[in-house]
Amino acid sequence: MVLFFTYVMAGLAIAMPVGAITVEMTKQGLKNGFLHGWAVGLGGMTIDLILIAALYLGLASILQLPFIQIPMWLIGAVFLFLIGYESIKNADSDITLAGEKSAKSLRTSYRNGFLVAVSPGNIVFWLSVFGAVLSNTYNPAEPSNFLLIAAGILIGILLHDIGLLAIVATTRKVMNRAMIKGFSIVAGVVLIGFSGYFIYEFYTVIADIM
């Protein structure tokens, strides 16, 4: 149990830095409520689960190959740009104030979280930080330790998401439509900024190969 709770805290620490998932989750939480923000987080955690399975099966080295990472950087940039553009374009639509029922589907919010998480930045982070932790603790004779640590980190991330969205849900009660629209535009600009960073990394990897 000590090992488990240690890695729950590690999961909380991993989730703390503000990234594209956090931005999208906060935006959806403000515009459409707690459940939509959480759907974004669950979409991101789906990718996390897939990466854990990849690490468990020993596929980390394949995901680190340059010819695998190059298209991933480009695809990630396109996804983030489209989501950021949509956030700015539709900043004044799909806004549900506190007490109103959202017309947006949870599936769309989940999809956005999934697409934002399918980015080399997220994957490289998991392979370098999370992957290193799990690789060092993996013992073929005791695979349960690997699963226990992975579960602890995922629960830590989940607790972070719930805590963040609880704050967002409280803040949302005192925000009007104009304030939520402004945040949506800012979120879109930040996501496009992440997209630009991915394009930069895309060219960097190509330059290193050349």
N, C-alpha and C. Protein backbone atom coordinates (compact mmCIF):
# COMPACT_ATOMS: atom_id res chain seq x y z
N MET A 1 0.82 -1.21 0.00
CA MET A 1 0.00 0.00 0.00
C MET A 1 0.86 1.26 0.00
N VAL A 2 2.01 1.18 0.68
CA VAL A 2 2.92 2.33 0.70
C VAL A 2 3.40 2.61 -0.72
N LEU A 3 3.74 1.55 -1.45
CA LEU A 3 4.19 1.69 -2.84
C LEU A 3 3.08 2.31 -3.69
N PHE A 4 1.86 1.83 -3.50
CA PHE A 4 0.72 2.31 -4.27
C PHE A 4 0.49 3.80 -4.03
N PHE A 5 0.42 4.22 -2.75
CA PHE A 5 0.15 5.62 -2.45
C PHE A 5 1.31 6.53 -2.84
N THR A 6 2.52 5.99 -2.83
CA THR A 6 3.68 6.77 -3.29
C THR A 6 3.49 7.15 -4.75
N TYR A 7 3.02 6.19 -5.55
CA TYR A 7 2.85 6.47 -6.98
C TYR A 7 1.55 7.19 -7.30
N VAL A 8 0.59 7.17 -6.37
CA VAL A 8 -0.57 8.05 -6.51
C VAL A 8 -0.09 9.50 -6.43
N MET A 9 0.80 9.78 -5.48
CA MET A 9 1.37 11.13 -5.36
C MET A 9 2.21 11.47 -6.58
N ALA A 10 2.92 10.47 -7.12
CA ALA A 10 3.70 10.70 -8.33
C ALA A 10 2.78 11.06 -9.50
N GLY A 11 1.63 10.38 -9.58
CA GLY A 11 0.66 10.70 -10.62
C GLY A 11 0.14 12.12 -10.50
N LEU A 12 -0.12 12.56 -9.27
CA LEU A 12 -0.54 13.94 -9.04
C LEU A 12 0.52 14.92 -9.52
N ALA A 13 1.78 14.62 -9.21
CA ALA A 13 2.88 15.51 -9.60
C ALA A 13 3.03 15.55 -11.12
N ILE A 14 2.86 14.38 -11.77
CA ILE A 14 2.97 14.31 -13.23
C ILE A 14 1.89 15.16 -13.91
N ALA A 15 0.69 15.16 -13.31
CA ALA A 15 -0.44 15.86 -13.92
C ALA A 15 -0.44 17.36 -13.66
N MET A 16 0.37 17.83 -12.71
CA MET A 16 0.35 19.24 -12.32
C MET A 16 0.75 20.21 -13.41
N PRO A 17 1.83 19.95 -14.19
CA PRO A 17 2.23 20.94 -15.19
C PRO A 17 1.10 21.20 -16.20
N VAL A 18 0.93 22.46 -16.57
CA VAL A 18 -0.13 22.82 -17.50
C VAL A 18 0.28 22.42 -18.92
N GLY A 19 -0.55 21.58 -19.53
CA GLY A 19 -0.30 21.14 -20.90
C GLY A 19 -1.56 21.31 -21.73
N ALA A 20 -1.51 20.78 -22.95
CA ALA A 20 -2.64 20.92 -23.86
C ALA A 20 -3.91 20.26 -23.30
N ILE A 21 -3.76 19.11 -22.66
CA ILE A 21 -4.91 18.41 -22.08
C ILE A 21 -5.56 19.27 -20.99
N THR A 22 -4.74 19.86 -20.12
CA THR A 22 -5.25 20.69 -19.04
C THR A 22 -6.02 21.90 -19.59
N VAL A 23 -5.47 22.50 -20.65
CA VAL A 23 -6.12 23.66 -21.27
C VAL A 23 -7.48 23.27 -21.83
N GLU A 24 -7.52 22.17 -22.59
CA GLU A 24 -8.78 21.73 -23.20
C GLU A 24 -9.79 21.30 -22.14
N MET A 25 -9.31 20.62 -21.11
CA MET A 25 -10.18 20.15 -20.04
C MET A 25 -10.81 21.34 -19.30
N THR A 26 -10.01 22.35 -19.02
CA THR A 26 -10.51 23.54 -18.32
C THR A 26 -11.51 24.29 -19.18
N LYS A 27 -11.19 24.40 -20.48
CA LYS A 27 -12.09 25.11 -21.40
C LYS A 27 -13.45 24.42 -21.46
N GLN A 28 -13.45 23.10 -21.64
CA GLN A 28 -14.72 22.37 -21.73
C GLN A 28 -15.47 22.40 -20.39
N GLY A 29 -14.72 22.38 -19.30
CA GLY A 29 -15.35 22.46 -17.99
C GLY A 29 -16.06 23.79 -17.79
N LEU A 30 -15.45 24.87 -18.26
CA LEU A 30 -16.06 26.20 -18.13
C LEU A 30 -17.25 26.37 -19.08
N LYS A 31 -17.12 25.87 -20.31
CA LYS A 31 -18.17 26.08 -21.30
C LYS A 31 -19.37 25.16 -21.10
N ASN A 32 -19.11 23.91 -20.68
CA ASN A 32 -20.19 22.93 -20.68
C ASN A 32 -20.37 22.17 -19.37
N GLY A 33 -19.53 22.44 -18.38
CA GLY A 33 -19.74 21.81 -17.10
C GLY A 33 -18.74 20.71 -16.76
N PHE A 34 -18.83 20.23 -15.53
CA PHE A 34 -17.89 19.25 -14.96
C PHE A 34 -17.75 18.00 -15.82
N LEU A 35 -18.87 17.40 -16.23
CA LEU A 35 -18.82 16.13 -16.95
C LEU A 35 -18.09 16.25 -18.28
N HIS A 36 -18.25 17.38 -18.97
CA HIS A 36 -17.56 17.57 -20.25
C HIS A 36 -16.05 17.73 -20.05
N GLY A 37 -15.67 18.45 -19.00
CA GLY A 37 -14.25 18.56 -18.69
C GLY A 37 -13.66 17.22 -18.34
N TRP A 38 -14.41 16.44 -17.58
CA TRP A 38 -13.94 15.11 -17.18
C TRP A 38 -13.86 14.17 -18.38
N ALA A 39 -14.78 14.32 -19.34
CA ALA A 39 -14.74 13.51 -20.56
C ALA A 39 -13.45 13.76 -21.33
N VAL A 40 -13.00 15.02 -21.35
CA VAL A 40 -11.71 15.34 -21.98
C VAL A 40 -10.59 14.60 -21.26
N GLY A 41 -10.61 14.66 -19.91
CA GLY A 41 -9.59 13.98 -19.13
C GLY A 41 -9.60 12.48 -19.36
N LEU A 42 -10.78 11.89 -19.49
CA LEU A 42 -10.87 10.44 -19.74
C LEU A 42 -10.35 10.09 -21.13
N GLY A 43 -10.58 11.00 -22.09
CA GLY A 43 -10.02 10.78 -23.43
C GLY A 43 -8.50 10.75 -23.39
N GLY A 44 -7.92 11.68 -22.60
CA GLY A 44 -6.47 11.68 -22.44
C GLY A 44 -5.97 10.44 -21.73
N MET A 45 -6.71 9.99 -20.71
CA MET A 45 -6.29 8.82 -19.95
C MET A 45 -6.40 7.54 -20.77
N THR A 46 -7.25 7.53 -21.79
CA THR A 46 -7.31 6.37 -22.69
C THR A 46 -5.97 6.17 -23.38
N ILE A 47 -5.39 7.29 -23.84
CA ILE A 47 -4.06 7.21 -24.46
C ILE A 47 -3.03 6.77 -23.43
N ASP A 48 -3.15 7.27 -22.20
CA ASP A 48 -2.23 6.86 -21.14
C ASP A 48 -2.28 5.35 -20.93
N LEU A 49 -3.47 4.77 -20.93
CA LEU A 49 -3.63 3.33 -20.76
C LEU A 49 -3.00 2.56 -21.91
N ILE A 50 -3.19 3.09 -23.13
CA ILE A 50 -2.59 2.44 -24.30
C ILE A 50 -1.07 2.45 -24.20
N LEU A 51 -0.51 3.60 -23.73
CA LEU A 51 0.94 3.71 -23.59
C LEU A 51 1.46 2.78 -22.50
N ILE A 52 0.70 2.63 -21.41
CA ILE A 52 1.10 1.69 -20.35
C ILE A 52 1.16 0.28 -20.91
N ALA A 53 0.15 -0.08 -21.72
CA ALA A 53 0.14 -1.41 -22.34
C ALA A 53 1.34 -1.58 -23.26
N ALA A 54 1.68 -0.50 -24.01
CA ALA A 54 2.83 -0.56 -24.91
C ALA A 54 4.13 -0.76 -24.13
N LEU A 55 4.25 -0.03 -23.02
CA LEU A 55 5.44 -0.18 -22.18
C LEU A 55 5.51 -1.58 -21.59
N TYR A 56 4.38 -2.08 -21.15
CA TYR A 56 4.31 -3.42 -20.54
C TYR A 56 4.72 -4.50 -21.55
N LEU A 57 4.35 -4.27 -22.83
CA LEU A 57 4.65 -5.24 -23.88
C LEU A 57 6.02 -5.01 -24.52
N GLY A 58 6.74 -3.98 -24.03
CA GLY A 58 8.09 -3.73 -24.53
C GLY A 58 8.14 -2.97 -25.84
N LEU A 59 7.13 -2.16 -26.13
CA LEU A 59 7.07 -1.44 -27.40
C LEU A 59 7.64 -0.02 -27.31
N ALA A 60 8.15 0.34 -26.13
CA ALA A 60 8.66 1.71 -25.94
C ALA A 60 9.76 2.06 -26.94
N SER A 61 10.66 1.10 -27.20
CA SER A 61 11.79 1.37 -28.10
C SER A 61 11.31 1.66 -29.52
N ILE A 62 10.20 1.02 -29.92
CA ILE A 62 9.66 1.25 -31.26
C ILE A 62 9.09 2.67 -31.36
N LEU A 63 8.39 3.09 -30.32
CA LEU A 63 7.79 4.42 -30.34
C LEU A 63 8.83 5.54 -30.30
N GLN A 64 10.06 5.21 -29.91
CA GLN A 64 11.12 6.22 -29.83
C GLN A 64 11.91 6.34 -31.12
N LEU A 65 11.62 5.50 -32.12
CA LEU A 65 12.34 5.57 -33.39
C LEU A 65 11.97 6.85 -34.14
N PRO A 66 12.98 7.54 -34.73
CA PRO A 66 12.72 8.81 -35.43
C PRO A 66 11.65 8.70 -36.51
N PHE A 67 11.66 7.62 -37.32
CA PHE A 67 10.71 7.52 -38.41
C PHE A 67 9.28 7.27 -37.92
N ILE A 68 9.15 6.89 -36.64
CA ILE A 68 7.83 6.78 -36.02
C ILE A 68 7.42 8.14 -35.44
N GLN A 69 8.39 8.84 -34.85
CA GLN A 69 8.09 10.11 -34.19
C GLN A 69 7.81 11.24 -35.17
N ILE A 70 8.45 11.22 -36.35
CA ILE A 70 8.27 12.32 -37.32
C ILE A 70 6.79 12.49 -37.71
N PRO A 71 6.11 11.44 -38.18
CA PRO A 71 4.69 11.65 -38.50
C PRO A 71 3.83 11.96 -37.28
N MET A 72 4.25 11.46 -36.09
CA MET A 72 3.49 11.73 -34.87
C MET A 72 3.53 13.21 -34.52
N TRP A 73 4.71 13.84 -34.66
CA TRP A 73 4.81 15.29 -34.40
C TRP A 73 3.88 16.05 -35.34
N LEU A 74 3.88 15.66 -36.62
CA LEU A 74 3.09 16.37 -37.62
C LEU A 74 1.59 16.16 -37.37
N ILE A 75 1.19 14.92 -37.10
CA ILE A 75 -0.22 14.63 -36.83
C ILE A 75 -0.69 15.35 -35.57
N GLY A 76 0.15 15.33 -34.54
CA GLY A 76 -0.17 16.03 -33.30
C GLY A 76 -0.36 17.52 -33.53
N ALA A 77 0.52 18.11 -34.36
CA ALA A 77 0.41 19.54 -34.66
C ALA A 77 -0.90 19.86 -35.36
N VAL A 78 -1.28 19.00 -36.32
CA VAL A 78 -2.53 19.22 -37.06
C VAL A 78 -3.73 19.13 -36.13
N PHE A 79 -3.76 18.09 -35.28
CA PHE A 79 -4.87 17.92 -34.34
C PHE A 79 -5.00 19.13 -33.42
N LEU A 80 -3.88 19.58 -32.85
CA LEU A 80 -3.92 20.70 -31.91
C LEU A 80 -4.33 22.00 -32.60
N PHE A 81 -3.84 22.20 -33.83
CA PHE A 81 -4.22 23.41 -34.57
C PHE A 81 -5.73 23.42 -34.84
N LEU A 82 -6.27 22.27 -35.27
CA LEU A 82 -7.70 22.20 -35.58
C LEU A 82 -8.56 22.42 -34.34
N ILE A 83 -8.14 21.83 -33.22
CA ILE A 83 -8.90 22.00 -31.98
C ILE A 83 -8.79 23.44 -31.48
N GLY A 84 -7.59 24.03 -31.61
CA GLY A 84 -7.40 25.43 -31.22
C GLY A 84 -8.20 26.37 -32.10
N TYR A 85 -8.19 26.11 -33.40
CA TYR A 85 -8.96 26.94 -34.34
C TYR A 85 -10.46 26.83 -34.04
N GLU A 86 -10.91 25.61 -33.78
CA GLU A 86 -12.33 25.40 -33.44
C GLU A 86 -12.69 26.14 -32.15
N SER A 87 -11.75 26.16 -31.19
CA SER A 87 -12.00 26.85 -29.93
C SER A 87 -12.19 28.35 -30.13
N ILE A 88 -11.39 28.94 -31.02
CA ILE A 88 -11.51 30.37 -31.30
C ILE A 88 -12.75 30.66 -32.14
N LYS A 89 -12.94 29.87 -33.18
CA LYS A 89 -14.07 30.08 -34.10
C LYS A 89 -15.41 29.96 -33.38
N ASN A 90 -15.52 28.97 -32.48
CA ASN A 90 -16.78 28.71 -31.79
C ASN A 90 -16.77 29.20 -30.35
N ALA A 91 -15.95 30.22 -30.08
CA ALA A 91 -15.81 30.72 -28.71
C ALA A 91 -17.14 31.19 -28.12
N ASP A 92 -18.01 31.71 -28.99
CA ASP A 92 -19.27 32.26 -28.50
C ASP A 92 -20.43 31.26 -28.58
N SER A 93 -20.13 30.04 -29.06
CA SER A 93 -21.19 29.04 -29.17
C SER A 93 -20.94 27.91 -28.18
N ASP A 94 -21.94 27.08 -27.98
CA ASP A 94 -21.86 25.93 -27.06
C ASP A 94 -21.52 26.33 -25.64
N ILE A 95 -21.84 27.56 -25.25
CA ILE A 95 -21.60 27.99 -23.87
C ILE A 95 -22.84 27.68 -23.04
N THR A 96 -22.63 26.93 -21.97
CA THR A 96 -23.73 26.59 -21.07
C THR A 96 -23.41 27.18 -19.71
N LEU A 97 -24.19 28.14 -19.29
CA LEU A 97 -23.96 28.76 -17.98
C LEU A 97 -24.40 27.82 -16.87
N ALA A 98 -23.93 28.07 -15.67
CA ALA A 98 -24.27 27.23 -14.52
C ALA A 98 -25.78 27.14 -14.37
N GLY A 99 -26.27 25.91 -14.22
CA GLY A 99 -27.70 25.69 -14.06
C GLY A 99 -28.41 25.35 -15.36
N GLU A 100 -27.72 25.56 -16.51
CA GLU A 100 -28.30 25.22 -17.81
C GLU A 100 -27.82 23.84 -18.25
N LYS A 101 -28.59 23.21 -19.12
CA LYS A 101 -28.22 21.90 -19.63
C LYS A 101 -27.45 22.04 -20.92
N SER A 102 -26.30 21.37 -21.01
CA SER A 102 -25.46 21.47 -22.20
C SER A 102 -26.06 20.67 -23.36
N ALA A 103 -25.99 21.26 -24.56
CA ALA A 103 -26.48 20.57 -25.76
C ALA A 103 -25.36 19.79 -26.44
N LYS A 104 -24.12 19.99 -25.97
CA LYS A 104 -22.98 19.31 -26.58
C LYS A 104 -22.87 17.90 -26.04
N SER A 105 -22.47 16.96 -26.91
CA SER A 105 -22.37 15.57 -26.48
C SER A 105 -21.06 15.32 -25.74
N LEU A 106 -21.13 14.42 -24.76
CA LEU A 106 -19.93 14.04 -24.02
C LEU A 106 -18.94 13.33 -24.94
N ARG A 107 -19.45 12.66 -25.97
CA ARG A 107 -18.58 11.96 -26.91
C ARG A 107 -17.63 12.92 -27.61
N THR A 108 -18.12 14.11 -27.96
CA THR A 108 -17.28 15.11 -28.62
C THR A 108 -16.16 15.59 -27.69
N SER A 109 -16.49 15.81 -26.42
CA SER A 109 -15.47 16.23 -25.45
C SER A 109 -14.44 15.13 -25.25
N TYR A 110 -14.91 13.89 -25.17
CA TYR A 110 -13.99 12.74 -25.04
C TYR A 110 -13.06 12.67 -26.25
N ARG A 111 -13.64 12.86 -27.44
CA ARG A 111 -12.84 12.81 -28.67
C ARG A 111 -11.76 13.87 -28.66
N ASN A 112 -12.09 15.09 -28.22
CA ASN A 112 -11.09 16.15 -28.16
C ASN A 112 -9.96 15.79 -27.22
N GLY A 113 -10.29 15.23 -26.05
CA GLY A 113 -9.26 14.81 -25.10
C GLY A 113 -8.36 13.74 -25.69
N PHE A 114 -8.97 12.80 -26.41
CA PHE A 114 -8.23 11.71 -27.04
C PHE A 114 -7.27 12.26 -28.09
N LEU A 115 -7.77 13.17 -28.95
CA LEU A 115 -6.95 13.71 -30.03
C LEU A 115 -5.82 14.59 -29.49
N VAL A 116 -6.09 15.37 -28.45
CA VAL A 116 -5.03 16.20 -27.86
C VAL A 116 -3.93 15.31 -27.28
N ALA A 117 -4.32 14.17 -26.69
CA ALA A 117 -3.35 13.28 -26.06
C ALA A 117 -2.53 12.50 -27.08
N VAL A 118 -3.05 12.36 -28.32
CA VAL A 118 -2.30 11.67 -29.37
C VAL A 118 -1.29 12.65 -29.94
N SER A 119 -0.33 12.99 -29.15
CA SER A 119 0.70 13.93 -29.57
C SER A 119 2.05 13.45 -29.06
N PRO A 120 3.09 13.66 -29.84
CA PRO A 120 4.42 13.20 -29.42
C PRO A 120 4.85 13.79 -28.09
N GLY A 121 4.43 15.04 -27.81
CA GLY A 121 4.80 15.64 -26.54
C GLY A 121 4.33 14.80 -25.38
N ASN A 122 3.08 14.38 -25.43
CA ASN A 122 2.52 13.53 -24.39
C ASN A 122 3.18 12.15 -24.37
N ILE A 123 3.37 11.58 -25.57
CA ILE A 123 3.94 10.24 -25.67
C ILE A 123 5.40 10.22 -25.23
N VAL A 124 6.18 11.20 -25.70
CA VAL A 124 7.60 11.27 -25.31
C VAL A 124 7.72 11.48 -23.80
N PHE A 125 6.82 12.30 -23.23
CA PHE A 125 6.83 12.51 -21.78
C PHE A 125 6.62 11.19 -21.05
N TRP A 126 5.63 10.43 -21.50
CA TRP A 126 5.35 9.16 -20.85
C TRP A 126 6.50 8.17 -21.01
N LEU A 127 7.08 8.14 -22.20
CA LEU A 127 8.18 7.19 -22.44
C LEU A 127 9.43 7.56 -21.65
N SER A 128 9.66 8.86 -21.47
CA SER A 128 10.88 9.28 -20.77
C SER A 128 10.71 9.27 -19.25
N VAL A 129 9.66 9.92 -18.76
CA VAL A 129 9.46 10.04 -17.31
C VAL A 129 8.75 8.81 -16.75
N PHE A 130 7.52 8.62 -17.20
CA PHE A 130 6.70 7.52 -16.70
C PHE A 130 7.32 6.17 -17.10
N GLY A 131 7.76 6.09 -18.36
CA GLY A 131 8.35 4.84 -18.85
C GLY A 131 9.58 4.44 -18.07
N ALA A 132 10.41 5.42 -17.72
CA ALA A 132 11.62 5.12 -16.95
C ALA A 132 11.27 4.56 -15.58
N VAL A 133 10.26 5.15 -14.95
CA VAL A 133 9.83 4.67 -13.63
C VAL A 133 9.33 3.24 -13.71
N LEU A 134 8.45 2.99 -14.69
CA LEU A 134 7.88 1.65 -14.81
C LEU A 134 8.91 0.62 -15.24
N SER A 135 9.82 1.02 -16.13
CA SER A 135 10.86 0.10 -16.59
C SER A 135 11.77 -0.33 -15.45
N ASN A 136 12.09 0.63 -14.58
CA ASN A 136 12.98 0.33 -13.45
C ASN A 136 12.31 -0.56 -12.40
N THR A 137 10.99 -0.52 -12.35
CA THR A 137 10.28 -1.29 -11.33
C THR A 137 9.71 -2.59 -11.89
N TYR A 138 9.85 -2.79 -13.20
CA TYR A 138 9.27 -3.99 -13.79
C TYR A 138 10.14 -5.20 -13.53
N ASN A 139 9.53 -6.22 -12.96
CA ASN A 139 10.20 -7.49 -12.70
C ASN A 139 9.32 -8.58 -13.30
N PRO A 140 9.81 -9.30 -14.33
CA PRO A 140 9.00 -10.34 -14.97
C PRO A 140 8.45 -11.37 -13.99
N ALA A 141 9.17 -11.57 -12.88
CA ALA A 141 8.71 -12.54 -11.89
C ALA A 141 7.55 -11.99 -11.05
N GLU A 142 7.44 -10.64 -11.00
CA GLU A 142 6.37 -10.02 -10.21
C GLU A 142 5.70 -8.92 -11.04
N PRO A 143 4.95 -9.29 -12.07
CA PRO A 143 4.29 -8.28 -12.91
C PRO A 143 3.25 -7.46 -12.16
N SER A 144 2.78 -7.98 -11.02
CA SER A 144 1.76 -7.25 -10.25
C SER A 144 2.29 -5.91 -9.74
N ASN A 145 3.59 -5.81 -9.45
CA ASN A 145 4.18 -4.54 -9.01
C ASN A 145 4.04 -3.48 -10.10
N PHE A 146 4.30 -3.87 -11.34
CA PHE A 146 4.18 -2.96 -12.48
C PHE A 146 2.75 -2.43 -12.57
N LEU A 147 1.79 -3.34 -12.48
CA LEU A 147 0.39 -2.95 -12.58
C LEU A 147 -0.04 -2.09 -11.41
N LEU A 148 0.49 -2.37 -10.22
CA LEU A 148 0.16 -1.59 -9.02
C LEU A 148 0.65 -0.16 -9.16
N ILE A 149 1.89 -0.01 -9.64
CA ILE A 149 2.48 1.31 -9.82
C ILE A 149 1.74 2.09 -10.91
N ALA A 150 1.42 1.40 -12.03
CA ALA A 150 0.69 2.04 -13.12
C ALA A 150 -0.68 2.51 -12.63
N ALA A 151 -1.36 1.66 -11.86
CA ALA A 151 -2.68 2.03 -11.32
C ALA A 151 -2.56 3.23 -10.39
N GLY A 152 -1.53 3.25 -9.56
CA GLY A 152 -1.32 4.36 -8.64
C GLY A 152 -1.14 5.68 -9.37
N ILE A 153 -0.33 5.67 -10.43
CA ILE A 153 -0.09 6.90 -11.20
C ILE A 153 -1.36 7.35 -11.91
N LEU A 154 -2.11 6.40 -12.48
CA LEU A 154 -3.35 6.76 -13.17
C LEU A 154 -4.38 7.34 -12.19
N ILE A 155 -4.47 6.77 -11.00
CA ILE A 155 -5.40 7.29 -10.00
C ILE A 155 -4.97 8.68 -9.56
N GLY A 156 -3.66 8.90 -9.46
CA GLY A 156 -3.16 10.24 -9.13
C GLY A 156 -3.56 11.26 -10.17
N ILE A 157 -3.45 10.89 -11.45
CA ILE A 157 -3.86 11.77 -12.54
C ILE A 157 -5.37 12.03 -12.47
N LEU A 158 -6.14 10.96 -12.20
CA LEU A 158 -7.59 11.09 -12.09
C LEU A 158 -7.98 12.03 -10.95
N LEU A 159 -7.30 11.92 -9.81
CA LEU A 159 -7.58 12.81 -8.67
C LEU A 159 -7.27 14.26 -9.03
N HIS A 160 -6.17 14.46 -9.78
CA HIS A 160 -5.83 15.81 -10.23
C HIS A 160 -6.95 16.37 -11.10
N ASP A 161 -7.43 15.55 -12.04
CA ASP A 161 -8.48 16.01 -12.95
C ASP A 161 -9.75 16.38 -12.19
N ILE A 162 -10.13 15.54 -11.24
CA ILE A 162 -11.34 15.81 -10.46
C ILE A 162 -11.18 17.08 -9.63
N GLY A 163 -10.01 17.24 -9.00
CA GLY A 163 -9.74 18.44 -8.21
C GLY A 163 -9.77 19.70 -9.06
N LEU A 164 -9.12 19.64 -10.23
CA LEU A 164 -9.10 20.79 -11.14
C LEU A 164 -10.51 21.15 -11.58
N LEU A 165 -11.29 20.14 -11.96
CA LEU A 165 -12.63 20.41 -12.46
C LEU A 165 -13.58 20.86 -11.36
N ALA A 166 -13.32 20.46 -10.13
CA ALA A 166 -14.13 20.96 -9.01
C ALA A 166 -13.91 22.46 -8.86
N ILE A 167 -12.65 22.89 -9.01
CA ILE A 167 -12.34 24.33 -8.95
C ILE A 167 -12.99 25.06 -10.12
N VAL A 168 -12.88 24.44 -11.32
CA VAL A 168 -13.47 25.05 -12.53
C VAL A 168 -14.98 25.17 -12.38
N ALA A 169 -15.63 24.12 -11.84
CA ALA A 169 -17.08 24.14 -11.67
C ALA A 169 -17.51 25.24 -10.70
N THR A 170 -16.70 25.46 -9.67
CA THR A 170 -17.01 26.53 -8.70
C THR A 170 -16.82 27.91 -9.34
N THR A 171 -15.72 28.05 -10.09
CA THR A 171 -15.43 29.32 -10.75
C THR A 171 -16.49 29.65 -11.79
N ARG A 172 -16.98 28.62 -12.47
CA ARG A 172 -17.96 28.78 -13.54
C ARG A 172 -19.25 29.45 -13.06
N LYS A 173 -19.57 29.26 -11.79
CA LYS A 173 -20.81 29.81 -11.23
C LYS A 173 -20.81 31.33 -11.20
N VAL A 174 -19.61 31.93 -11.17
CA VAL A 174 -19.55 33.39 -11.09
C VAL A 174 -19.11 34.02 -12.41
N MET A 175 -18.98 33.20 -13.47
CA MET A 175 -18.54 33.71 -14.77
C MET A 175 -19.74 33.92 -15.68
N ASN A 176 -19.69 35.01 -16.46
CA ASN A 176 -20.74 35.25 -17.44
C ASN A 176 -20.30 34.76 -18.81
N ARG A 177 -21.17 34.90 -19.79
CA ARG A 177 -20.89 34.38 -21.14
C ARG A 177 -19.66 35.04 -21.77
N ALA A 178 -19.49 36.33 -21.57
CA ALA A 178 -18.35 37.04 -22.17
C ALA A 178 -17.03 36.56 -21.59
N MET A 179 -17.01 36.29 -20.29
CA MET A 179 -15.78 35.81 -19.65
C MET A 179 -15.42 34.41 -20.16
N ILE A 180 -16.42 33.54 -20.30
CA ILE A 180 -16.16 32.18 -20.79
C ILE A 180 -15.71 32.23 -22.25
N LYS A 181 -16.33 33.12 -23.04
CA LYS A 181 -15.90 33.29 -24.43
C LYS A 181 -14.44 33.73 -24.49
N GLY A 182 -14.05 34.68 -23.65
CA GLY A 182 -12.66 35.15 -23.63
C GLY A 182 -11.69 34.04 -23.27
N PHE A 183 -12.07 33.20 -22.29
CA PHE A 183 -11.19 32.10 -21.92
C PHE A 183 -11.07 31.10 -23.07
N SER A 184 -12.17 30.85 -23.78
CA SER A 184 -12.15 29.92 -24.91
C SER A 184 -11.19 30.40 -26.00
N ILE A 185 -11.17 31.71 -26.25
CA ILE A 185 -10.25 32.28 -27.25
C ILE A 185 -8.81 32.12 -26.79
N VAL A 186 -8.55 32.43 -25.53
CA VAL A 186 -7.20 32.27 -24.98
C VAL A 186 -6.76 30.81 -25.06
N ALA A 187 -7.66 29.89 -24.71
CA ALA A 187 -7.35 28.47 -24.78
C ALA A 187 -7.01 28.04 -26.20
N GLY A 188 -7.76 28.58 -27.17
CA GLY A 188 -7.49 28.27 -28.57
C GLY A 188 -6.12 28.75 -29.01
N VAL A 189 -5.76 29.95 -28.58
CA VAL A 189 -4.43 30.50 -28.92
C VAL A 189 -3.33 29.64 -28.31
N VAL A 190 -3.52 29.21 -27.07
CA VAL A 190 -2.52 28.36 -26.39
C VAL A 190 -2.38 27.03 -27.13
N LEU A 191 -3.49 26.43 -27.53
CA LEU A 191 -3.44 25.15 -28.25
C LEU A 191 -2.74 25.30 -29.60
N ILE A 192 -2.99 26.41 -30.29
CA ILE A 192 -2.29 26.67 -31.55
C ILE A 192 -0.80 26.88 -31.29
N GLY A 193 -0.48 27.50 -30.14
CA GLY A 193 0.93 27.64 -29.74
C GLY A 193 1.60 26.29 -29.56
N PHE A 194 0.91 25.35 -28.92
CA PHE A 194 1.43 23.98 -28.79
C PHE A 194 1.62 23.36 -30.17
N SER A 195 0.70 23.64 -31.07
CA SER A 195 0.80 23.13 -32.44
C SER A 195 2.07 23.64 -33.12
N GLY A 196 2.35 24.93 -32.93
CA GLY A 196 3.58 25.50 -33.49
C GLY A 196 4.82 24.85 -32.93
N TYR A 197 4.80 24.54 -31.63
CA TYR A 197 5.94 23.87 -31.00
C TYR A 197 6.14 22.49 -31.61
N PHE A 198 5.05 21.79 -31.89
CA PHE A 198 5.16 20.46 -32.49
C PHE A 198 5.75 20.53 -33.90
N ILE A 199 5.37 21.58 -34.66
CA ILE A 199 5.94 21.77 -35.99
C ILE A 199 7.45 21.99 -35.88
N TYR A 200 7.84 22.80 -34.87
CA TYR A 200 9.27 23.04 -34.64
C TYR A 200 9.99 21.73 -34.36
N GLU A 201 9.42 20.89 -33.50
CA GLU A 201 10.03 19.60 -33.17
C GLU A 201 10.07 18.69 -34.39
N PHE A 202 9.04 18.77 -35.22
CA PHE A 202 8.98 17.98 -36.46
C PHE A 202 10.19 18.31 -37.34
N TYR A 203 10.46 19.60 -37.54
CA TYR A 203 11.61 20.01 -38.36
C TYR A 203 12.94 19.68 -37.67
N THR A 204 12.95 19.74 -36.34
CA THR A 204 14.18 19.43 -35.60
C THR A 204 14.58 17.97 -35.80
N VAL A 205 13.59 17.08 -35.69
CA VAL A 205 13.87 15.65 -35.88
C VAL A 205 14.34 15.38 -37.28
N ILE A 206 13.72 16.02 -38.27
CA ILE A 206 14.15 15.84 -39.67
C ILE A 206 15.57 16.35 -39.86
N ALA A 207 15.86 17.52 -39.27
CA ALA A 207 17.21 18.10 -39.39
C ALA A 207 18.26 17.17 -38.76
N ASP A 208 17.93 16.56 -37.65
CA ASP A 208 18.87 15.65 -36.99
C ASP A 208 19.17 14.42 -37.85
N ILE A 209 18.14 13.95 -38.56
CA ILE A 209 18.32 12.78 -39.43
C ILE A 209 19.16 13.13 -40.64
N MET A 210 18.90 14.34 -41.20
CA MET A 210 19.62 14.79 -42.38
C MET A 210 21.08 15.07 -42.07
